[in-house]
């Protein structure tokens, strides 16, 4: 596994010929938060203790989906770990997650890491660490994706981050995921580094040939 500058196109052919597959992209969004889409069907609010089970289920569904593209892997321990992770989101002095509701039902969620814990994800981006936040997991329930819920949710999160002095949100997405890449590009994110993986390692070969 290795990470490389996404725009260094010259290395792409070598990595592909060597047996590597792109599995994750670190992307960054620069600029002020833009107004979200006009919609009255979605209500976005901070996560509450009563949301833990629903948000955990959304996370599990997302991981099963992302397992198709190499960005995440489903394991027997995943449900317990996701429950613990979501439970932690409701703690702390400021909100770390928000949920989207339609007709009173939670149908989406998004969580962030604030600057004090987001340093691991900057990928060498030249920025004041105090202005960087990491968007960890965002999910919308299957069957209602593409209806504007995700756009309304991330627009709200962007406004929350901007109001807290965050000018550089970053995140990872799976480049082979047919939904993630288009969504995040529309939201203003651009690739910084790409993680390439050879699995199993026996597929590695001399990529200089050809």
Protein backbone atom coordinates (compact mmCIF):
# COMPACT_ATOMS: atom_id res chain seq x y z
CA UNK A 1 0.00 0.00 0.00
CA UNK A 2 1.25 3.45 -0.83
CA UNK A 3 -0.11 7.00 -1.16
CA UNK A 4 0.82 9.28 -4.04
CA UNK A 5 -0.11 12.74 -5.29
CA UNK A 6 -3.39 12.31 -7.18
CA UNK A 7 -2.41 14.71 -9.98
CA UNK A 8 0.90 13.02 -10.73
CA UNK A 9 -0.53 11.28 -13.79
CA UNK A 10 2.83 9.90 -14.90
CA UNK A 11 2.93 7.39 -12.07
CA UNK A 12 -0.59 6.04 -12.64
CA UNK A 13 0.35 3.74 -15.51
CA UNK A 14 3.34 2.36 -13.59
CA UNK A 15 1.20 1.58 -10.55
CA UNK A 16 -1.56 -0.01 -12.63
CA UNK A 17 0.95 -2.10 -14.55
CA UNK A 18 2.50 -3.14 -11.24
CA UNK A 19 -0.78 -4.61 -9.98
CA UNK A 20 -1.92 -1.73 -7.78
CA UNK A 21 -5.57 -0.58 -7.56
CA UNK A 22 -6.70 2.84 -6.27
CA UNK A 23 -8.69 2.25 -3.09
CA UNK A 24 -8.95 5.65 -1.40
CA UNK A 25 -8.60 9.33 -2.22
CA UNK A 26 -7.84 12.07 0.28
CA UNK A 27 -9.77 15.12 -0.93
CA UNK A 28 -9.90 18.70 0.32
CA UNK A 29 -12.39 21.52 -0.09
CA UNK A 30 -11.14 25.10 -0.11
CA UNK A 31 -13.41 28.13 0.17
CA UNK A 32 -16.36 29.45 2.11
CA UNK A 33 -19.42 27.28 2.62
CA UNK A 34 -21.95 27.75 -0.14
CA UNK A 35 -25.71 27.84 0.39
CA UNK A 36 -27.29 24.40 0.42
CA UNK A 37 -30.00 23.23 -1.94
CA UNK A 38 -33.47 24.62 -1.46
CA UNK A 39 -35.51 21.87 0.16
CA UNK A 40 -38.17 21.71 2.83
CA UNK A 41 -38.25 17.94 3.14
CA UNK A 42 -35.01 17.63 5.14
CA UNK A 43 -34.34 18.73 8.70
CA UNK A 44 -30.72 18.62 9.89
CA UNK A 45 -29.85 18.64 13.59
CA UNK A 46 -27.10 17.53 15.95
CA UNK A 47 -27.06 13.83 16.83
CA UNK A 48 -28.85 12.82 20.04
CA UNK A 49 -28.54 9.70 22.26
CA UNK A 50 -31.80 8.39 20.84
CA UNK A 51 -30.19 8.29 17.36
CA UNK A 52 -27.40 5.85 18.21
CA UNK A 53 -29.07 2.66 16.96
CA UNK A 54 -30.31 4.21 13.71
CA UNK A 55 -27.00 5.87 12.92
CA UNK A 56 -25.13 2.67 13.73
CA UNK A 57 -27.34 0.86 11.22
CA UNK A 58 -26.61 3.55 8.59
CA UNK A 59 -22.88 3.10 9.21
CA UNK A 60 -23.12 -0.67 8.87
CA UNK A 61 -24.99 -0.35 5.58
CA UNK A 62 -22.35 2.07 4.29
CA UNK A 63 -19.47 -0.25 5.20
CA UNK A 64 -21.13 -3.21 3.48
CA UNK A 65 -21.48 -1.02 0.37
CA UNK A 66 -17.91 0.35 0.53
CA UNK A 67 -16.56 -3.18 0.95
CA UNK A 68 -17.24 -3.59 -2.77
CA UNK A 69 -14.64 -0.96 -3.63
CA UNK A 70 -11.78 -1.64 -1.23
CA UNK A 71 -12.29 1.48 0.88
CA UNK A 72 -13.62 -0.42 3.89
CA UNK A 73 -13.87 -4.04 4.94
CA UNK A 74 -16.74 -5.79 6.69
CA UNK A 75 -15.68 -7.99 9.61
CA UNK A 76 -17.52 -9.92 12.30
CA UNK A 77 -16.51 -7.23 14.79
CA UNK A 78 -17.85 -4.36 12.65
CA UNK A 79 -21.32 -3.99 14.26
CA UNK A 80 -19.87 -3.72 17.79
CA UNK A 81 -17.14 -1.34 16.72
CA UNK A 82 -19.60 0.87 14.83
CA UNK A 83 -21.92 0.99 17.85
CA UNK A 84 -19.04 2.08 20.07
CA UNK A 85 -17.95 4.66 17.50
CA UNK A 86 -21.40 6.21 17.17
CA UNK A 87 -21.86 6.21 20.94
CA UNK A 88 -18.68 8.29 21.24
CA UNK A 89 -20.09 10.85 18.80
CA UNK A 90 -22.65 12.03 21.32
CA UNK A 91 -19.96 12.97 23.84
CA UNK A 92 -17.75 16.02 23.99
CA UNK A 93 -18.13 19.78 24.37
CA UNK A 94 -19.33 20.45 20.81
CA UNK A 95 -21.29 18.50 18.19
CA UNK A 96 -19.36 15.84 16.28
CA UNK A 97 -22.22 14.52 14.17
CA UNK A 98 -25.46 15.62 12.56
CA UNK A 99 -28.45 13.68 11.29
CA UNK A 100 -30.90 14.35 8.47
CA UNK A 101 -34.58 13.74 9.16
CA UNK A 102 -37.46 13.33 6.74
CA UNK A 103 -40.96 13.19 8.23
CA UNK A 104 -39.41 12.70 11.66
CA UNK A 105 -37.29 9.71 10.63
CA UNK A 106 -33.47 9.77 10.62
CA UNK A 107 -32.36 8.89 7.08
CA UNK A 108 -28.79 10.20 7.00
CA UNK A 109 -25.83 11.13 9.15
CA UNK A 110 -22.47 12.86 8.92
CA UNK A 111 -19.71 13.08 11.52
CA UNK A 112 -16.49 15.05 11.81
CA UNK A 113 -13.20 15.14 13.66
CA UNK A 114 -12.31 18.61 14.87
CA UNK A 115 -8.75 19.98 14.48
CA UNK A 116 -7.49 18.52 17.75
CA UNK A 117 -7.85 14.97 16.38
CA UNK A 118 -7.82 15.51 12.59
CA UNK A 119 -4.08 15.96 12.11
CA UNK A 120 -3.55 12.34 11.02
CA UNK A 121 -5.63 12.93 7.89
CA UNK A 122 -4.03 16.07 6.48
CA UNK A 123 -1.77 14.09 4.17
CA UNK A 124 0.92 16.74 4.16
CA UNK A 125 -1.48 19.50 3.11
CA UNK A 126 0.10 22.88 3.82
CA UNK A 127 -2.46 24.50 6.11
CA UNK A 128 -2.87 25.83 9.62
CA UNK A 129 -3.87 22.71 11.62
CA UNK A 130 -6.42 24.77 13.52
CA UNK A 131 -8.39 25.28 10.29
CA UNK A 132 -8.57 21.61 9.24
CA UNK A 133 -11.40 19.21 10.11
CA UNK A 134 -11.93 15.65 8.88
CA UNK A 135 -15.30 14.44 7.66
CA UNK A 136 -15.33 10.84 8.81
CA UNK A 137 -18.51 9.08 7.73
CA UNK A 138 -21.50 10.27 5.77
CA UNK A 139 -24.39 8.02 4.85
CA UNK A 140 -27.89 8.28 3.43
CA UNK A 141 -30.30 5.37 3.61
CA UNK A 142 -30.45 3.27 0.42
CA UNK A 143 -33.50 3.87 -1.72
CA UNK A 144 -33.59 7.62 -1.14
CA UNK A 145 -30.11 8.51 -2.29
CA UNK A 146 -30.03 11.07 -5.07
CA UNK A 147 -33.01 13.00 -3.69
CA UNK A 148 -31.04 15.92 -2.25
CA UNK A 149 -30.80 14.63 1.32
CA UNK A 150 -27.05 14.19 1.22
CA UNK A 151 -26.53 17.61 -0.37
CA UNK A 152 -28.65 19.29 2.30
CA UNK A 153 -26.81 17.42 5.05
CA UNK A 154 -23.29 18.24 3.89
CA UNK A 155 -24.25 21.87 3.23
CA UNK A 156 -25.36 22.14 6.86
CA UNK A 157 -22.14 20.52 8.08
CA UNK A 158 -20.08 22.91 5.95
CA UNK A 159 -21.85 25.86 7.54
CA UNK A 160 -21.21 24.47 11.02
CA UNK A 161 -17.52 24.01 10.22
CA UNK A 162 -17.20 27.46 8.67
CA UNK A 163 -18.84 29.06 11.70
CA UNK A 164 -16.21 27.36 13.88
CA UNK A 165 -13.30 28.71 11.85
CA UNK A 166 -12.74 25.61 9.71
CA UNK A 167 -11.69 26.63 6.19
CA UNK A 168 -10.27 23.29 5.01
CA UNK A 169 -12.47 20.22 5.48
CA UNK A 170 -10.87 17.01 4.22
CA UNK A 171 -12.17 13.47 3.74
CA UNK A 172 -11.54 10.12 2.09
CA UNK A 173 -13.67 8.46 -0.56
CA UNK A 174 -13.33 5.29 -2.62
CA UNK A 175 -12.50 6.28 -6.22
CA UNK A 176 -14.18 3.15 -7.61
CA UNK A 177 -17.45 3.95 -5.82
CA UNK A 178 -19.85 5.21 -8.53
CA UNK A 179 -21.73 7.36 -5.99
CA UNK A 180 -19.03 8.84 -3.77
CA UNK A 181 -16.70 10.45 -6.28
CA UNK A 182 -19.41 12.37 -8.21
CA UNK A 183 -21.09 13.47 -4.97
CA UNK A 184 -17.96 14.82 -3.34
CA UNK A 185 -16.79 16.53 -6.52
CA UNK A 186 -20.13 18.35 -6.73
CA UNK A 187 -19.67 19.36 -3.09
CA UNK A 188 -16.40 21.07 -4.00
CA UNK A 189 -13.81 18.46 -3.01
CA UNK A 190 -10.74 17.84 -5.11
CA UNK A 191 -8.27 14.92 -4.85
CA UNK A 192 -4.98 15.47 -3.06
CA UNK A 193 -3.45 12.03 -2.61
CA UNK A 194 -4.54 8.58 -3.77
CA UNK A 195 -3.91 5.38 -1.84
CA UNK A 196 -2.97 2.44 -4.06
CA UNK A 197 -3.19 -1.14 -2.82
CA UNK A 198 -1.90 -4.45 -4.13
CA UNK A 199 -3.91 -7.28 -2.63
CA UNK A 200 -2.69 -9.92 -2.31
CA UNK A 201 0.92 -8.78 -2.61
CA UNK A 202 1.63 -11.65 -5.02
CA UNK A 203 -0.05 -9.63 -7.80
CA UNK A 204 2.89 -7.21 -7.76
CA UNK A 205 4.93 -7.14 -10.95
CA UNK A 206 7.41 -4.90 -12.71
CA UNK A 207 5.29 -1.95 -13.83
CA UNK A 208 8.03 -0.48 -15.99
CA UNK A 209 7.36 -2.99 -18.73
CA UNK A 210 5.09 -1.65 -21.45
